[in-house]
Amino acid sequence: MNRSQGPVSFEDVTMGFTQEEWQHLDPAQRTLYRDVMLENYSHLISVGYCVTKPEVIFKLQQGEEPWM
């Protein structure tokens, strides 16, 4: 997909899981997901992305399961 020069949104750099999908991930995959999601969000904020903190980020920061 070739996106025209519009701004990047949080949804562009995230992936969500259902509860069933999340249960199939092993601990290392869950840790990787958490680390990448938090890092992506941090990078967006650092370049001026302004939005209410997404629910998934709250959950990840609290150590909760982020499935939708």
C-alpha atoms as a PDB file:
ATOM      1  CA  MET A   1       0.000   0.000   0.000  1.00  0.00           C
ATOM      2  CA  ASN A   2       1.419   3.344  -1.011  1.00  0.00           C
ATOM      3  CA  ARG A   3       0.106   5.917   1.395  1.00  0.00           C
ATOM      4  CA  SER A   4       0.119   9.515   0.223  1.00  0.00           C
ATOM      5  CA  GLN A   5       1.975  11.967   2.382  1.00  0.00           C
ATOM      6  CA  GLY A   6      -0.612  12.165   5.159  1.00  0.00           C
ATOM      7  CA  PRO A   7       0.361  12.067   8.824  1.00  0.00           C
ATOM      8  CA  VAL A   8       1.023   8.776  10.590  1.00  0.00           C
ATOM      9  CA  SER A   9      -1.533   7.772  13.200  1.00  0.00           C
ATOM     10  CA  PHE A  10      -1.217   5.397  16.128  1.00  0.00           C
ATOM     11  CA  GLU A  11      -3.489   2.964  14.275  1.00  0.00           C
ATOM     12  CA  ASP A  12      -0.947   2.883  11.429  1.00  0.00           C
ATOM     13  CA  VAL A  13       1.704   1.422  13.732  1.00  0.00           C
ATOM     14  CA  THR A  14      -0.326  -0.925  15.925  1.00  0.00           C
ATOM     15  CA  MET A  15      -1.775  -4.373  15.806  1.00  0.00           C
ATOM     16  CA  GLY A  16      -4.532  -5.657  18.038  1.00  0.00           C
ATOM     17  CA  PHE A  17      -5.300  -9.162  19.246  1.00  0.00           C
ATOM     18  CA  THR A  18      -8.484 -10.880  20.303  1.00  0.00           C
ATOM     19  CA  GLN A  19      -8.411 -12.733  23.612  1.00  0.00           C
ATOM     20  CA  GLU A  20      -8.112 -16.040  21.751  1.00  0.00           C
ATOM     21  CA  GLU A  21      -5.231 -14.793  19.592  1.00  0.00           C
ATOM     22  CA  TRP A  22      -3.437 -13.390  22.657  1.00  0.00           C
ATOM     23  CA  GLN A  23      -3.682 -16.777  24.412  1.00  0.00           C
ATOM     24  CA  HIS A  24      -1.766 -18.380  21.525  1.00  0.00           C
ATOM     25  CA  LEU A  25       1.251 -16.103  21.983  1.00  0.00           C
ATOM     26  CA  ASP A  26       4.103 -17.351  24.116  1.00  0.00           C
ATOM     27  CA  PRO A  27       5.576 -15.124  26.857  1.00  0.00           C
ATOM     28  CA  ALA A  28       8.438 -13.887  24.644  1.00  0.00           C
ATOM     29  CA  GLN A  29       5.979 -12.858  21.908  1.00  0.00           C
ATOM     30  CA  ARG A  30       3.812 -11.019  24.440  1.00  0.00           C
ATOM     31  CA  THR A  31       6.854  -9.187  25.810  1.00  0.00           C
ATOM     32  CA  LEU A  32       7.982  -8.246  22.305  1.00  0.00           C
ATOM     33  CA  TYR A  33       4.495  -6.957  21.477  1.00  0.00           C
ATOM     34  CA  ARG A  34       4.410  -4.860  24.658  1.00  0.00           C
ATOM     35  CA  ASP A  35       7.869  -3.421  24.061  1.00  0.00           C
ATOM     36  CA  VAL A  36       7.215  -2.539  20.415  1.00  0.00           C
ATOM     37  CA  MET A  37       3.793  -0.994  21.096  1.00  0.00           C
ATOM     38  CA  LEU A  38       5.133   1.174  23.935  1.00  0.00           C
ATOM     39  CA  GLU A  39       8.151   2.191  21.857  1.00  0.00           C
ATOM     40  CA  ASN A  40       6.005   3.093  18.836  1.00  0.00           C
ATOM     41  CA  TYR A  41       3.718   5.195  21.021  1.00  0.00           C
ATOM     42  CA  SER A  42       6.708   6.898  22.649  1.00  0.00           C
ATOM     43  CA  HIS A  43       8.187   7.743  19.240  1.00  0.00           C
ATOM     44  CA  LEU A  44       4.921   9.237  18.021  1.00  0.00           C
ATOM     45  CA  ILE A  45       4.626  11.397  21.138  1.00  0.00           C
ATOM     46  CA  SER A  46       8.245  12.547  20.752  1.00  0.00           C
ATOM     47  CA  VAL A  47       7.507  13.925  17.267  1.00  0.00           C
ATOM     48  CA  GLY A  48       4.440  15.830  18.416  1.00  0.00           C
ATOM     49  CA  TYR A  49       1.637  13.302  17.958  1.00  0.00           C
ATOM     50  CA  CYS A  50      -1.146  14.553  20.218  1.00  0.00           C
ATOM     51  CA  VAL A  51      -4.002  12.273  21.137  1.00  0.00           C
ATOM     52  CA  THR A  52      -5.632  10.832  24.219  1.00  0.00           C
ATOM     53  CA  LYS A  53      -3.575   7.846  25.345  1.00  0.00           C
ATOM     54  CA  PRO A  54      -5.050   4.714  23.715  1.00  0.00           C
ATOM     55  CA  GLU A  55      -6.611   2.082  26.001  1.00  0.00           C
ATOM     56  CA  VAL A  56      -4.092  -0.521  24.806  1.00  0.00           C
ATOM     57  CA  ILE A  57      -1.196   1.643  26.034  1.00  0.00           C
ATOM     58  CA  PHE A  58      -2.837   2.060  29.461  1.00  0.00           C
ATOM     59  CA  LYS A  59      -3.262  -1.702  29.683  1.00  0.00           C
ATOM     60  CA  LEU A  60       0.321  -2.428  28.613  1.00  0.00           C
ATOM     61  CA  GLN A  61       1.732   0.098  31.074  1.00  0.00           C
ATOM     62  CA  GLN A  62      -0.280  -1.521  33.883  1.00  0.00           C
ATOM     63  CA  GLY A  63       0.882  -5.022  32.929  1.00  0.00           C
ATOM     64  CA  GLU A  64      -2.622  -6.035  31.842  1.00  0.00           C
ATOM     65  CA  GLU A  65      -3.502  -8.143  28.832  1.00  0.00           C
ATOM     66  CA  PRO A  66      -4.147  -5.813  25.886  1.00  0.00           C
ATOM     67  CA  TRP A  67      -6.535  -7.909  23.840  1.00  0.00           C
ATOM     68  CA  MET A  68      -9.559  -6.190  22.366  1.00  0.00           C
END
